Amino acid sequence: MKTPKKKENIFSKNLNLIIQENRITQRELAKVAGVSASTLNAWLSGGSVTDMEAVMRISEQFNFSFSLLLTGREDKKTEKKNILNELFDYESVSFNGIYEISARKLVPKKEK
């Protein structure tokens, strides 16, 4: 009788990726997250995550989107923003009159 394969935990995989790419220790990542080393070790072993604020701290510190960190997929809003950032630069525009209005407009990126 075959034993069922354990489902790969995306969050655990992403945490390991962060550790490897940033050359930090598990203890250092736990400190960034604001959790104990044993909690981080449980996450790395595929344990469930209950502290979403800790996940947010990790995502902000290592510039990893929250949804991508947890699920392995970008949310639609972030995905669209990333596509815009690849294709366009932002240019600041101001309008002065009775009111001052500041905005940013998209300018196509120039090929290098």
Protein backbone atom coordinates (compact mmCIF):
# COMPACT_ATOMS: atom_id res chain seq x y z
CA MET A 1 0.00 0.00 0.00
CA LYS A 2 1.39 3.38 -1.03
CA THR A 3 1.61 6.17 1.49
CA PRO A 4 0.11 9.42 0.25
CA LYS A 5 2.57 12.11 -0.74
CA LYS A 6 2.72 15.04 1.62
CA LYS A 7 1.44 18.17 -0.10
CA GLU A 8 4.24 20.65 -0.70
CA ASN A 9 3.90 23.68 1.55
CA ILE A 10 4.41 26.82 -0.54
CA PHE A 11 4.96 29.02 2.50
CA SER A 12 7.68 26.72 3.82
CA LYS A 13 9.33 26.60 0.40
CA ASN A 14 9.29 30.42 0.16
CA LEU A 15 10.75 30.83 3.65
CA ASN A 16 13.60 28.51 2.73
CA LEU A 17 14.13 30.51 -0.45
CA ILE A 18 14.33 33.75 1.55
CA ILE A 19 16.88 32.17 3.92
CA GLN A 20 19.04 30.91 1.07
CA GLU A 21 18.90 33.98 -1.16
CA ASN A 22 19.56 36.43 1.68
CA ARG A 23 22.15 34.20 3.38
CA ILE A 24 20.55 34.56 6.78
CA THR A 25 19.99 32.08 9.57
CA GLN A 26 16.65 30.75 10.73
CA ARG A 27 17.19 32.64 13.98
CA GLU A 28 17.65 35.92 12.06
CA LEU A 29 14.47 35.32 10.06
CA ALA A 30 12.59 34.52 13.27
CA LYS A 31 13.80 37.82 14.73
CA VAL A 32 12.57 39.75 11.64
CA ALA A 33 9.19 38.00 11.89
CA GLY A 34 8.98 38.62 15.62
CA VAL A 35 8.42 34.95 16.42
CA SER A 36 10.37 32.34 18.34
CA ALA A 37 12.89 30.10 16.60
CA SER A 38 10.65 27.10 17.36
CA THR A 39 7.67 28.77 15.64
CA LEU A 40 9.75 29.50 12.55
CA ASN A 41 11.06 25.93 12.59
CA ALA A 42 7.46 24.68 12.67
CA TRP A 43 6.64 26.85 9.64
CA LEU A 44 9.72 25.56 7.81
CA SER A 45 8.52 22.02 8.54
CA GLY A 46 5.11 22.73 7.00
CA GLY A 47 3.21 23.72 10.14
CA SER A 48 0.21 26.01 9.88
CA VAL A 49 0.62 29.76 10.15
CA THR A 50 -1.50 31.66 12.65
CA ASP A 51 0.41 34.94 12.95
CA MET A 52 -0.37 36.94 9.81
CA GLU A 53 1.39 40.03 11.18
CA ALA A 54 4.63 38.04 11.31
CA VAL A 55 4.11 36.98 7.69
CA MET A 56 3.53 40.62 6.75
CA ARG A 57 6.79 41.65 8.48
CA ILE A 58 8.68 39.02 6.47
CA SER A 59 7.05 40.06 3.21
CA GLU A 60 7.86 43.74 3.81
CA GLN A 61 11.44 43.15 4.96
CA PHE A 62 12.33 40.94 2.00
CA ASN A 63 10.17 42.63 -0.65
CA PHE A 64 8.07 39.51 -1.19
CA SER A 65 4.36 40.02 -1.82
CA PHE A 66 2.17 38.76 1.03
CA SER A 67 -0.03 36.60 -1.21
CA LEU A 68 2.93 35.20 -3.13
CA LEU A 69 4.69 34.30 0.13
CA LEU A 70 1.67 32.40 1.45
CA THR A 71 0.11 30.90 -1.66
CA GLY A 72 2.70 31.01 -4.39
CA ARG A 73 0.39 33.19 -6.50
CA GLU A 74 0.13 36.94 -6.92
CA ASP A 75 -3.21 38.56 -6.35
CA LYS A 76 -4.65 40.17 -9.48
CA LYS A 77 -4.01 43.75 -8.29
CA THR A 78 -0.33 43.08 -7.57
CA GLU A 79 0.06 41.17 -10.83
CA LYS A 80 -1.33 44.09 -12.84
CA LYS A 81 0.88 46.56 -10.99
CA ASN A 82 3.96 44.43 -11.75
CA ILE A 83 3.08 44.35 -15.45
CA LEU A 84 2.70 48.15 -15.49
CA ASN A 85 6.05 48.55 -13.74
CA GLU A 86 7.73 46.40 -16.39
CA LEU A 87 6.32 48.43 -19.26
CA PHE A 88 6.16 51.98 -17.94
CA ASP A 89 7.99 54.53 -15.84
CA TYR A 90 6.16 57.07 -13.73
CA GLU A 91 6.47 60.78 -14.33
CA SER A 92 5.25 63.33 -11.78
CA VAL A 93 2.83 65.96 -13.05
CA SER A 94 1.54 68.99 -11.13
CA PHE A 95 -1.32 71.33 -11.93
CA ASN A 96 -1.42 74.68 -10.20
CA GLY A 97 -4.41 76.94 -9.94
CA ILE A 98 -6.86 77.50 -7.13
CA TYR A 99 -5.91 74.01 -6.02
CA GLU A 100 -2.62 72.22 -6.53
CA ILE A 101 -3.04 68.75 -7.92
CA SER A 102 -0.20 66.26 -8.10
CA ALA A 103 -0.42 63.10 -10.13
CA ARG A 104 1.76 60.50 -11.78
CA LYS A 105 1.38 59.53 -15.39
CA LEU A 106 2.65 56.43 -17.12
CA VAL A 107 5.39 56.93 -19.69
CA PRO A 108 6.45 53.98 -21.87
CA LYS A 109 9.93 52.70 -20.96
CA LYS A 110 12.60 53.34 -23.53
CA GLU A 111 14.43 50.32 -24.83
CA LYS A 112 18.09 50.23 -23.89
